[in-house]
Every structure is written in structure tokens, then in C-alpha cells.
Amino acid sequence: MSAVVSGGGVRPTRRAVALTTGLLVLFLIYSLAPTWFLIVSATKNQTDLYSTFGLWFSSNHLADNVQEIWTYHDGVFNRWIGNSILYSTLGAAGSTLVSLAAGYGLSKFDFRGRGAFFAVIVGASLLPSTLLAFPLYLVFAQIGLTNTIWSVLIPYFINPFGVYLGKVYADSSVPTELMEAARLDGAGELRIFWSVALRLMRTGGITIFMLEFINIWNNFFLPLFMLTGERTFPVSLGLYSWLQQAQTARDMNTLVLTGSLLSIVPLAVFMFALQKYWRSGILMGSLK
């Protein structure tokens, strides 16, 4: 028996609490183990990386590893971090605007084929992005945009799942009566969307922006197909290129592991910084 009735409510038994707690602890360990491995490995030099226990510290060479990675190959790692920030910020901003506009249109305008169009969007959101990398490369190769920033940004602007979220937020947060009142006051549809709907959909916009920023930052296959110049690589592809070099030149594992740890830092800062605005957006949405 997993629960007992006490005081008019259901209280879980000690066995159920212990089992649930144990599963949560195991899940926490499983989730944090890769990050712990990166932290430990980034403090080791090349010799300690292979000769000591992988999940615990030895001598501390973190400062030396960080210094080397900042200066290696004319500081190209700094360029990769900047590229990732650029791709993620612009891509997520464009995707958020397109998703909110498309979701708003699907929610608030009645047009022929709306149901079929929405069904296509839901179906497209189920497709793995890796399946689209090669077809997208063929398209951009035909128009001569490969190895440019646009070959990475333009595909990021189209996010079917973001459009779905935009429609959900438009359904729940933009009253039709408010739109009708704005039309009576003489506002056009573009002004209603820009001045009224976007403000009310702020929580959804922040959510879409956050999810897309993380997705673009971690994306690997699209830049792998589209980009060939080292100076245009995001950090994920750049570290992979170092790993490929390790098979023919020097052992780059220490630099790759240290770079992987450093690449998490901007993402962690972004998530913690945005959390405050996300919470305030939810609070303001609830007050409205």
C-alpha cells in the first residue's frame, strides 16, 4: 500500500517517500555527472587526464588550461564563443518574432485551410532537425549562401514548435474583445499585433526565446553541413574540429574538455539572467 488516509487527506507512506527520493537522487546524479566530469577533467594536464581517476581531482592545472585555450591558434576559441552568441541571439530573436506572429495569425484570423496549415506545423515540429540538415544544405548551395552567417540564421528563424507555442499563448492571453476595441479606435492589424498582442504574449515570447537560444547554442549538425571556414564556426563545431585534429596531430583532449566546460558558462549565465524576467513575465501575465 503506497498511501494512507489521515485527516481527510492522502499521505504517502514512508516506503513510497523513500523510493521517490531515491529515484530523484539517482536522476540528479545522472544529470550532473557529465558536468562534474568536465569540471574535474578541466583541472588536469595531459598526463593526469590519463593516469588518474576520471571523476576526482589531482593536481590543479585549470589556470594553465584556460590560458592555453584562450591563446591557442591566435585565440580562435574566443571567436567561436562570439559566433555562438551571435547565432543564438539573432536566431532566437528572429525565431521568436516569426513564431509569435504566425501563432497570432493562426489563433486570431479565420482563413481557408487554417486547420490543415496548423496540422502541418504540428507534424513538422515532430521531425528531428538532423533530418533536415542535408536537404537545407542542398537548397542553400543552390543559391550560393553556404559558409555564410545566413545559411545558419535563416533556418533557425523557422521553428514549427515555436509557432505552436505562439498559437497556444495567443489563444490564452490575447482577448478577441480587446482586438475589436483597438479596431474601433482605428488601429490597423500590424499596430494591434505590435502594440497590443506582443505585450500580452511577452511570457510566451520569453519562453520561445529561451528554448530556441538553448537549441541553437547546442546545435551541431546544421553548422557542420553549412560552414567550412574555421572563423565562422560556433563553439560546438569548433571543439569538434579540434577533436578531429587530435587524430593526426597533437592530443587535444585537454583543450577540448576545458573548452567544453567554458562553453557552458555563457549558457548558464543566460539561463539564470533570463529566469528573473521569465518569473516577472509570468507574474504580470497572471495579474492581467
C-alpha atoms as a PDB file:
ATOM      1  CA  MET A   1       0.000   0.000   0.000  1.00  0.00           C
ATOM      2  CA  SER A   2       1.534   3.281  -1.103  1.00  0.00           C
ATOM      3  CA  ALA A   3      -0.584   5.783   0.805  1.00  0.00           C
ATOM      4  CA  VAL A   4      -2.636   6.128   3.973  1.00  0.00           C
ATOM      5  CA  VAL A   5      -5.644   8.325   4.688  1.00  0.00           C
ATOM      6  CA  SER A   6      -5.090  10.805   7.511  1.00  0.00           C
ATOM      7  CA  GLY A   7      -7.115  13.862   8.498  1.00  0.00           C
ATOM      8  CA  GLY A   8      -9.260  13.735   5.401  1.00  0.00           C
ATOM      9  CA  GLY A   9      -6.258  13.632   3.031  1.00  0.00           C
ATOM     10  CA  VAL A  10      -3.977  11.072   1.425  1.00  0.00           C
ATOM     11  CA  ARG A  11      -0.473  10.843   2.868  1.00  0.00           C
ATOM     12  CA  PRO A  12       2.228   8.745   1.173  1.00  0.00           C
ATOM     13  CA  THR A  13       3.852   6.001   3.203  1.00  0.00           C
ATOM     14  CA  ARG A  14       7.493   6.133   4.286  1.00  0.00           C
ATOM     15  CA  ARG A  15       8.342   3.445   1.761  1.00  0.00           C
ATOM     16  CA  ALA A  16       6.851   5.490  -1.096  1.00  0.00           C
ATOM     17  CA  VAL A  17       8.665   8.634   0.069  1.00  0.00           C
ATOM     18  CA  ALA A  18      11.973   6.753   0.331  1.00  0.00           C
ATOM     19  CA  LEU A  19      11.548   5.206  -3.122  1.00  0.00           C
ATOM     20  CA  THR A  20      10.650   8.531  -4.723  1.00  0.00           C
ATOM     21  CA  THR A  21      13.543  10.304  -3.006  1.00  0.00           C
ATOM     22  CA  GLY A  22      15.957   7.582  -4.081  1.00  0.00           C
ATOM     23  CA  LEU A  23      14.854   7.831  -7.718  1.00  0.00           C
ATOM     24  CA  LEU A  24      15.174  11.616  -7.665  1.00  0.00           C
ATOM     25  CA  VAL A  25      18.678  11.385  -6.202  1.00  0.00           C
ATOM     26  CA  LEU A  26      19.701   8.892  -8.898  1.00  0.00           C
ATOM     27  CA  PHE A  27      18.285  11.155 -11.587  1.00  0.00           C
ATOM     28  CA  LEU A  28      20.145  14.141 -10.094  1.00  0.00           C
ATOM     29  CA  ILE A  29      23.429  12.211 -10.078  1.00  0.00           C
ATOM     30  CA  TYR A  30      22.847  11.063 -13.659  1.00  0.00           C
ATOM     31  CA  SER A  31      22.120  14.635 -14.763  1.00  0.00           C
ATOM     32  CA  LEU A  32      25.100  16.230 -13.026  1.00  0.00           C
ATOM     33  CA  ALA A  33      27.694  13.510 -13.741  1.00  0.00           C
ATOM     34  CA  PRO A  34      28.776  14.892 -17.171  1.00  0.00           C
ATOM     35  CA  THR A  35      29.224  18.400 -15.749  1.00  0.00           C
ATOM     36  CA  TRP A  36      31.192  17.025 -12.812  1.00  0.00           C
ATOM     37  CA  PHE A  37      33.412  15.089 -15.210  1.00  0.00           C
ATOM     38  CA  LEU A  38      34.080  18.279 -17.212  1.00  0.00           C
ATOM     39  CA  ILE A  39      34.942  20.248 -14.077  1.00  0.00           C
ATOM     40  CA  VAL A  40      37.354  17.562 -12.862  1.00  0.00           C
ATOM     41  CA  SER A  41      38.942  16.997 -16.279  1.00  0.00           C
ATOM     42  CA  ALA A  42      39.467  20.721 -16.882  1.00  0.00           C
ATOM     43  CA  THR A  43      41.757  20.879 -13.824  1.00  0.00           C
ATOM     44  CA  LYS A  44      44.130  18.185 -15.139  1.00  0.00           C
ATOM     45  CA  ASN A  45      47.054  18.310 -17.502  1.00  0.00           C
ATOM     46  CA  GLN A  46      47.560  15.807 -20.301  1.00  0.00           C
ATOM     47  CA  THR A  47      49.380  13.284 -18.103  1.00  0.00           C
ATOM     48  CA  ASP A  48      46.898  13.390 -15.211  1.00  0.00           C
ATOM     49  CA  LEU A  49      43.981  13.066 -17.616  1.00  0.00           C
ATOM     50  CA  TYR A  50      45.032   9.515 -18.491  1.00  0.00           C
ATOM     51  CA  SER A  51      46.784   8.415 -15.299  1.00  0.00           C
ATOM     52  CA  THR A  52      44.335   9.456 -12.546  1.00  0.00           C
ATOM     53  CA  PHE A  53      40.756   8.597 -11.628  1.00  0.00           C
ATOM     54  CA  GLY A  54      38.419  10.348 -14.042  1.00  0.00           C
ATOM     55  CA  LEU A  55      35.854  11.535 -11.501  1.00  0.00           C
ATOM     56  CA  TRP A  56      38.200  13.087  -8.946  1.00  0.00           C
ATOM     57  CA  PHE A  57      40.814  15.808  -8.828  1.00  0.00           C
ATOM     58  CA  SER A  58      44.587  15.503  -8.897  1.00  0.00           C
ATOM     59  CA  SER A  59      46.919  18.490  -9.340  1.00  0.00           C
ATOM     60  CA  ASN A  60      45.209  21.719 -10.342  1.00  0.00           C
ATOM     61  CA  HIS A  61      46.114  22.960 -13.835  1.00  0.00           C
ATOM     62  CA  LEU A  62      42.858  24.802 -14.574  1.00  0.00           C
ATOM     63  CA  ALA A  63      44.503  28.216 -14.935  1.00  0.00           C
ATOM     64  CA  ASP A  64      47.110  26.819 -17.335  1.00  0.00           C
ATOM     65  CA  ASN A  65      44.440  25.071 -19.427  1.00  0.00           C
ATOM     66  CA  VAL A  66      42.280  28.210 -19.613  1.00  0.00           C
ATOM     67  CA  GLN A  67      45.280  30.341 -20.556  1.00  0.00           C
ATOM     68  CA  GLU A  68      46.239  27.897 -23.308  1.00  0.00           C
ATOM     69  CA  ILE A  69      42.764  27.683 -24.754  1.00  0.00           C
ATOM     70  CA  TRP A  70      42.428  31.486 -24.910  1.00  0.00           C
ATOM     71  CA  THR A  71      45.705  31.829 -26.799  1.00  0.00           C
ATOM     72  CA  TYR A  72      45.813  28.644 -28.905  1.00  0.00           C
ATOM     73  CA  HIS A  73      45.736  29.227 -32.672  1.00  0.00           C
ATOM     74  CA  ASP A  74      45.534  33.033 -32.318  1.00  0.00           C
ATOM     75  CA  GLY A  75      42.645  32.843 -29.857  1.00  0.00           C
ATOM     76  CA  VAL A  76      40.200  31.220 -32.252  1.00  0.00           C
ATOM     77  CA  PHE A  77      38.190  29.848 -29.313  1.00  0.00           C
ATOM     78  CA  ASN A  78      37.187  33.422 -28.423  1.00  0.00           C
ATOM     79  CA  ARG A  79      35.871  33.832 -31.978  1.00  0.00           C
ATOM     80  CA  TRP A  80      33.860  30.617 -31.662  1.00  0.00           C
ATOM     81  CA  ILE A  81      32.240  31.789 -28.436  1.00  0.00           C
ATOM     82  CA  GLY A  82      31.372  35.099 -30.087  1.00  0.00           C
ATOM     83  CA  ASN A  83      29.903  33.277 -33.092  1.00  0.00           C
ATOM     84  CA  SER A  84      27.739  31.105 -30.848  1.00  0.00           C
ATOM     85  CA  ILE A  85      26.448  34.161 -29.007  1.00  0.00           C
ATOM     86  CA  LEU A  86      25.718  35.887 -32.324  1.00  0.00           C
ATOM     87  CA  TYR A  87      23.974  32.894 -33.902  1.00  0.00           C
ATOM     88  CA  SER A  88      21.969  32.106 -30.770  1.00  0.00           C
ATOM     89  CA  THR A  89      20.875  35.681 -30.072  1.00  0.00           C
ATOM     90  CA  LEU A  90      19.905  36.674 -33.608  1.00  0.00           C
ATOM     91  CA  GLY A  91      18.472  33.256 -34.438  1.00  0.00           C
ATOM     92  CA  ALA A  92      16.381  33.096 -31.268  1.00  0.00           C
ATOM     93  CA  ALA A  93      15.158  36.691 -31.700  1.00  0.00           C
ATOM     94  CA  GLY A  94      14.117  36.065 -35.305  1.00  0.00           C
ATOM     95  CA  SER A  95      12.517  32.745 -34.446  1.00  0.00           C
ATOM     96  CA  THR A  96      10.594  34.312 -31.560  1.00  0.00           C
ATOM     97  CA  LEU A  97       9.193  37.120 -33.704  1.00  0.00           C
ATOM     98  CA  VAL A  98       8.204  34.773 -36.547  1.00  0.00           C
ATOM     99  CA  SER A  99       6.693  32.241 -34.136  1.00  0.00           C
ATOM    100  CA  LEU A 100       4.614  34.821 -32.269  1.00  0.00           C
ATOM    101  CA  ALA A 101       3.405  36.433 -35.484  1.00  0.00           C
ATOM    102  CA  ALA A 102       2.479  33.093 -37.087  1.00  0.00           C
ATOM    103  CA  GLY A 103       0.883  31.794 -33.893  1.00  0.00           C
ATOM    104  CA  TYR A 104      -1.082  35.013 -33.508  1.00  0.00           C
ATOM    105  CA  GLY A 105      -2.314  34.770 -37.086  1.00  0.00           C
ATOM    106  CA  LEU A 106      -3.375  31.150 -36.675  1.00  0.00           C
ATOM    107  CA  SER A 107      -5.174  31.962 -33.449  1.00  0.00           C
ATOM    108  CA  LYS A 108      -6.979  35.186 -34.289  1.00  0.00           C
ATOM    109  CA  PHE A 109      -7.673  35.090 -38.037  1.00  0.00           C
ATOM    110  CA  ASP A 110     -10.085  32.745 -39.755  1.00  0.00           C
ATOM    111  CA  PHE A 111      -8.894  31.801 -43.235  1.00  0.00           C
ATOM    112  CA  ARG A 112      -9.358  28.875 -45.581  1.00  0.00           C
ATOM    113  CA  GLY A 113      -7.094  25.933 -44.793  1.00  0.00           C
ATOM    114  CA  ARG A 114      -6.195  27.111 -41.300  1.00  0.00           C
ATOM    115  CA  GLY A 115      -6.782  23.684 -39.783  1.00  0.00           C
ATOM    116  CA  ALA A 116      -4.676  21.920 -42.405  1.00  0.00           C
ATOM    117  CA  PHE A 117      -1.920  24.517 -42.035  1.00  0.00           C
ATOM    118  CA  PHE A 118      -1.842  24.040 -38.279  1.00  0.00           C
ATOM    119  CA  ALA A 119      -1.748  20.251 -38.715  1.00  0.00           C
ATOM    120  CA  VAL A 120       1.288  20.619 -40.994  1.00  0.00           C
ATOM    121  CA  ILE A 121       3.007  22.764 -38.349  1.00  0.00           C
ATOM    122  CA  VAL A 122       2.344  20.194 -35.623  1.00  0.00           C
ATOM    123  CA  GLY A 123       3.652  17.426 -37.872  1.00  0.00           C
ATOM    124  CA  ALA A 124       6.747  19.426 -38.793  1.00  0.00           C
ATOM    125  CA  SER A 125       7.533  20.011 -35.110  1.00  0.00           C
ATOM    126  CA  LEU A 126       7.859  16.239 -34.694  1.00  0.00           C
ATOM    127  CA  LEU A 127      10.626  15.955 -37.313  1.00  0.00           C
ATOM    128  CA  PRO A 128      14.179  15.715 -35.909  1.00  0.00           C
ATOM    129  CA  SER A 129      16.236  18.706 -37.001  1.00  0.00           C
ATOM    130  CA  THR A 130      19.097  16.384 -38.020  1.00  0.00           C
ATOM    131  CA  LEU A 131      16.948  15.021 -40.867  1.00  0.00           C
ATOM    132  CA  LEU A 132      16.659  18.498 -42.379  1.00  0.00           C
ATOM    133  CA  ALA A 133      20.350  19.435 -42.257  1.00  0.00           C
ATOM    134  CA  PHE A 134      21.349  17.853 -45.569  1.00  0.00           C
ATOM    135  CA  PRO A 135      18.258  18.990 -47.572  1.00  0.00           C
ATOM    136  CA  LEU A 136      18.824  22.514 -46.258  1.00  0.00           C
ATOM    137  CA  TYR A 137      22.441  22.342 -47.353  1.00  0.00           C
ATOM    138  CA  LEU A 138      21.364  21.414 -50.898  1.00  0.00           C
ATOM    139  CA  VAL A 139      18.958  24.361 -51.007  1.00  0.00           C
ATOM    140  CA  PHE A 140      21.483  26.893 -49.731  1.00  0.00           C
ATOM    141  CA  ALA A 141      24.194  25.512 -52.016  1.00  0.00           C
ATOM    142  CA  GLN A 142      21.932  26.199 -54.997  1.00  0.00           C
ATOM    143  CA  ILE A 143      21.502  29.847 -54.015  1.00  0.00           C
ATOM    144  CA  GLY A 144      25.150  30.297 -53.010  1.00  0.00           C
ATOM    145  CA  LEU A 145      24.706  31.037 -49.316  1.00  0.00           C
ATOM    146  CA  THR A 146      26.697  28.193 -47.786  1.00  0.00           C
ATOM    147  CA  ASN A 147      29.539  29.155 -45.448  1.00  0.00           C
ATOM    148  CA  THR A 148      27.797  32.431 -44.579  1.00  0.00           C
ATOM    149  CA  ILE A 149      26.007  33.587 -41.460  1.00  0.00           C
ATOM    150  CA  TRP A 150      22.699  33.474 -43.363  1.00  0.00           C
ATOM    151  CA  SER A 151      22.993  29.751 -44.041  1.00  0.00           C
ATOM    152  CA  VAL A 152      22.814  29.236 -40.280  1.00  0.00           C
ATOM    153  CA  LEU A 153      20.438  32.018 -39.256  1.00  0.00           C
ATOM    154  CA  ILE A 154      17.657  31.643 -41.844  1.00  0.00           C
ATOM    155  CA  PRO A 155      16.815  28.006 -40.944  1.00  0.00           C
ATOM    156  CA  TYR A 156      16.730  28.999 -37.275  1.00  0.00           C
ATOM    157  CA  PHE A 157      14.070  31.621 -37.974  1.00  0.00           C
ATOM    158  CA  ILE A 158      11.559  28.895 -38.872  1.00  0.00           C
ATOM    159  CA  ASN A 159      10.584  26.922 -35.768  1.00  0.00           C
ATOM    160  CA  PRO A 160       7.348  24.888 -36.057  1.00  0.00           C
ATOM    161  CA  PHE A 161       7.258  24.131 -32.330  1.00  0.00           C
ATOM    162  CA  GLY A 162       7.677  27.834 -31.614  1.00  0.00           C
ATOM    163  CA  VAL A 163       4.704  28.585 -33.888  1.00  0.00           C
ATOM    164  CA  TYR A 164       2.663  26.031 -31.948  1.00  0.00           C
ATOM    165  CA  LEU A 165       3.627  27.689 -28.653  1.00  0.00           C
ATOM    166  CA  GLY A 166       2.848  31.094 -30.135  1.00  0.00           C
ATOM    167  CA  LYS A 167      -0.657  29.957 -31.035  1.00  0.00           C
ATOM    168  CA  VAL A 168      -1.200  28.496 -27.566  1.00  0.00           C
ATOM    169  CA  TYR A 169      -0.143  31.741 -25.888  1.00  0.00           C
ATOM    170  CA  ALA A 170      -2.204  33.839 -28.310  1.00  0.00           C
ATOM    171  CA  ASP A 171      -5.284  31.708 -27.579  1.00  0.00           C
ATOM    172  CA  SER A 172      -4.907  32.202 -23.829  1.00  0.00           C
ATOM    173  CA  SER A 173      -3.536  35.726 -23.452  1.00  0.00           C
ATOM    174  CA  VAL A 174      -4.924  37.903 -26.276  1.00  0.00           C
ATOM    175  CA  PRO A 175      -8.663  38.588 -25.844  1.00  0.00           C
ATOM    176  CA  THR A 176     -10.593  38.974 -29.081  1.00  0.00           C
ATOM    177  CA  GLU A 177     -12.654  41.737 -27.456  1.00  0.00           C
ATOM    178  CA  LEU A 178      -9.507  43.801 -26.929  1.00  0.00           C
ATOM    179  CA  MET A 179      -8.606  43.446 -30.608  1.00  0.00           C
ATOM    180  CA  GLU A 180     -12.101  44.565 -31.617  1.00  0.00           C
ATOM    181  CA  ALA A 181     -11.839  47.595 -29.346  1.00  0.00           C
ATOM    182  CA  ALA A 182      -8.490  48.513 -30.929  1.00  0.00           C
ATOM    183  CA  ARG A 183     -10.011  48.213 -34.415  1.00  0.00           C
ATOM    184  CA  LEU A 184     -12.860  50.524 -33.385  1.00  0.00           C
ATOM    185  CA  ASP A 185     -10.277  53.042 -32.261  1.00  0.00           C
ATOM    186  CA  GLY A 186      -8.798  52.970 -35.767  1.00  0.00           C
ATOM    187  CA  ALA A 187      -5.726  50.788 -35.146  1.00  0.00           C
ATOM    188  CA  GLY A 188      -4.521  48.667 -38.046  1.00  0.00           C
ATOM    189  CA  GLU A 189      -3.755  44.969 -37.771  1.00  0.00           C
ATOM    190  CA  LEU A 190       0.013  45.475 -37.703  1.00  0.00           C
ATOM    191  CA  ARG A 191      -0.266  48.049 -34.926  1.00  0.00           C
ATOM    192  CA  ILE A 192      -2.597  45.784 -32.932  1.00  0.00           C
ATOM    193  CA  PHE A 193      -0.095  42.969 -33.150  1.00  0.00           C
ATOM    194  CA  TRP A 194       2.935  45.133 -32.375  1.00  0.00           C
ATOM    195  CA  SER A 195       1.451  47.314 -29.626  1.00  0.00           C
ATOM    196  CA  VAL A 196      -1.140  45.046 -28.028  1.00  0.00           C
ATOM    197  CA  ALA A 197      -0.632  41.365 -28.807  1.00  0.00           C
ATOM    198  CA  LEU A 198       3.155  41.289 -28.331  1.00  0.00           C
ATOM    199  CA  ARG A 199       2.849  42.876 -24.899  1.00  0.00           C
ATOM    200  CA  LEU A 200       0.260  40.342 -23.802  1.00  0.00           C
ATOM    201  CA  MET A 201       2.289  37.457 -25.254  1.00  0.00           C
ATOM    202  CA  ARG A 202       5.502  38.513 -23.516  1.00  0.00           C
ATOM    203  CA  THR A 203       5.637  35.401 -21.339  1.00  0.00           C
ATOM    204  CA  GLY A 204       5.294  33.182 -24.398  1.00  0.00           C
ATOM    205  CA  GLY A 205       7.916  35.211 -26.241  1.00  0.00           C
ATOM    206  CA  ILE A 206      10.431  34.830 -23.420  1.00  0.00           C
ATOM    207  CA  THR A 207       9.739  31.103 -23.266  1.00  0.00           C
ATOM    208  CA  ILE A 208      10.230  30.645 -27.022  1.00  0.00           C
ATOM    209  CA  PHE A 209      13.372  32.804 -26.994  1.00  0.00           C
ATOM    210  CA  MET A 210      14.889  30.800 -24.145  1.00  0.00           C
ATOM    211  CA  LEU A 211      14.148  27.410 -25.711  1.00  0.00           C
ATOM    212  CA  GLU A 212      15.406  28.473 -29.131  1.00  0.00           C
ATOM    213  CA  PHE A 213      18.563  30.101 -27.716  1.00  0.00           C
ATOM    214  CA  ILE A 214      19.487  26.857 -25.967  1.00  0.00           C
ATOM    215  CA  ASN A 215      18.624  24.808 -29.057  1.00  0.00           C
ATOM    216  CA  ILE A 216      20.783  26.970 -31.354  1.00  0.00           C
ATOM    217  CA  TRP A 217      23.681  27.044 -28.894  1.00  0.00           C
ATOM    218  CA  ASN A 218      23.735  23.242 -28.752  1.00  0.00           C
ATOM    219  CA  ASN A 219      23.021  22.680 -32.446  1.00  0.00           C
ATOM    220  CA  PHE A 220      25.790  20.802 -34.207  1.00  0.00           C
ATOM    221  CA  PHE A 221      24.596  19.239 -37.468  1.00  0.00           C
ATOM    222  CA  LEU A 222      23.371  22.377 -39.251  1.00  0.00           C
ATOM    223  CA  PRO A 223      26.687  24.284 -38.811  1.00  0.00           C
ATOM    224  CA  LEU A 224      28.559  21.069 -39.695  1.00  0.00           C
ATOM    225  CA  PHE A 225      26.836  20.962 -43.095  1.00  0.00           C
ATOM    226  CA  MET A 226      26.719  24.710 -43.788  1.00  0.00           C
ATOM    227  CA  LEU A 227      30.058  26.087 -42.572  1.00  0.00           C
ATOM    228  CA  THR A 228      33.538  25.275 -43.811  1.00  0.00           C
ATOM    229  CA  GLY A 229      35.610  28.253 -42.659  1.00  0.00           C
ATOM    230  CA  GLU A 230      37.076  27.889 -39.187  1.00  0.00           C
ATOM    231  CA  ARG A 231      36.414  31.556 -38.363  1.00  0.00           C
ATOM    232  CA  THR A 232      32.659  31.070 -38.832  1.00  0.00           C
ATOM    233  CA  PHE A 233      32.315  28.013 -36.576  1.00  0.00           C
ATOM    234  CA  PRO A 234      30.174  28.070 -33.426  1.00  0.00           C
ATOM    235  CA  VAL A 235      31.856  26.688 -30.338  1.00  0.00           C
ATOM    236  CA  SER A 236      30.313  23.212 -30.658  1.00  0.00           C
ATOM    237  CA  LEU A 237      31.664  22.731 -34.183  1.00  0.00           C
ATOM    238  CA  GLY A 238      34.975  24.356 -33.312  1.00  0.00           C
ATOM    239  CA  LEU A 239      35.634  21.943 -30.452  1.00  0.00           C
ATOM    240  CA  TYR A 240      34.714  19.061 -32.753  1.00  0.00           C
ATOM    241  CA  SER A 241      37.295  20.271 -35.282  1.00  0.00           C
ATOM    242  CA  TRP A 242      39.926  20.222 -32.533  1.00  0.00           C
ATOM    243  CA  LEU A 243      38.910  16.682 -31.686  1.00  0.00           C
ATOM    244  CA  GLN A 244      39.385  15.705 -35.328  1.00  0.00           C
ATOM    245  CA  GLN A 245      42.843  17.278 -35.329  1.00  0.00           C
ATOM    246  CA  ALA A 246      43.800  15.106 -32.366  1.00  0.00           C
ATOM    247  CA  GLN A 247      43.731  12.057 -34.653  1.00  0.00           C
ATOM    248  CA  THR A 248      46.548  13.403 -36.846  1.00  0.00           C
ATOM    249  CA  ALA A 249      48.403  15.985 -34.749  1.00  0.00           C
ATOM    250  CA  ARG A 250      48.807  16.673 -31.027  1.00  0.00           C
ATOM    251  CA  ASP A 251      46.440  15.286 -28.399  1.00  0.00           C
ATOM    252  CA  MET A 252      43.767  17.967 -27.951  1.00  0.00           C
ATOM    253  CA  ASN A 253      41.617  16.210 -25.351  1.00  0.00           C
ATOM    254  CA  THR A 254      42.599  18.532 -22.502  1.00  0.00           C
ATOM    255  CA  LEU A 255      41.788  21.630 -24.557  1.00  0.00           C
ATOM    256  CA  VAL A 256      38.524  20.138 -25.817  1.00  0.00           C
ATOM    257  CA  LEU A 257      37.382  19.257 -22.303  1.00  0.00           C
ATOM    258  CA  THR A 258      38.349  22.662 -20.933  1.00  0.00           C
ATOM    259  CA  GLY A 259      36.649  24.373 -23.869  1.00  0.00           C
ATOM    260  CA  SER A 260      33.513  22.312 -23.312  1.00  0.00           C
ATOM    261  CA  LEU A 261      33.393  23.490 -19.709  1.00  0.00           C
ATOM    262  CA  LEU A 262      33.915  27.126 -20.701  1.00  0.00           C
ATOM    263  CA  SER A 263      31.226  26.859 -23.372  1.00  0.00           C
ATOM    264  CA  ILE A 264      28.679  26.046 -20.661  1.00  0.00           C
ATOM    265  CA  VAL A 265      29.361  29.275 -18.763  1.00  0.00           C
ATOM    266  CA  PRO A 266      27.623  31.740 -21.175  1.00  0.00           C
ATOM    267  CA  LEU A 267      24.647  29.401 -21.436  1.00  0.00           C
ATOM    268  CA  ALA A 268      24.368  29.116 -17.637  1.00  0.00           C
ATOM    269  CA  VAL A 269      24.630  32.907 -17.248  1.00  0.00           C
ATOM    270  CA  PHE A 270      21.931  33.370 -19.887  1.00  0.00           C
ATOM    271  CA  MET A 271      19.543  30.941 -18.212  1.00  0.00           C
ATOM    272  CA  PHE A 272      19.961  32.445 -14.742  1.00  0.00           C
ATOM    273  CA  ALA A 273      19.645  36.005 -16.066  1.00  0.00           C
ATOM    274  CA  LEU A 274      16.527  35.220 -18.066  1.00  0.00           C
ATOM    275  CA  GLN A 275      14.918  33.352 -15.194  1.00  0.00           C
ATOM    276  CA  LYS A 276      14.222  36.659 -13.436  1.00  0.00           C
ATOM    277  CA  TYR A 277      12.438  38.114 -16.462  1.00  0.00           C
ATOM    278  CA  TRP A 278      10.565  34.875 -17.026  1.00  0.00           C
ATOM    279  CA  ARG A 279       9.221  34.925 -13.490  1.00  0.00           C
ATOM    280  CA  SER A 280       8.257  38.589 -13.719  1.00  0.00           C
ATOM    281  CA  GLY A 281       6.554  37.889 -17.042  1.00  0.00           C
ATOM    282  CA  ILE A 282       4.514  35.082 -15.528  1.00  0.00           C
ATOM    283  CA  LEU A 283       3.539  37.310 -12.596  1.00  0.00           C
ATOM    284  CA  MET A 284       2.464  40.161 -14.874  1.00  0.00           C
ATOM    285  CA  GLY A 285       0.567  37.717 -17.059  1.00  0.00           C
ATOM    286  CA  SER A 286      -1.304  36.370 -14.050  1.00  0.00           C
ATOM    287  CA  LEU A 287      -2.220  39.908 -12.941  1.00  0.00           C
ATOM    288  CA  LYS A 288      -3.614  40.671 -16.385  1.00  0.00           C
END
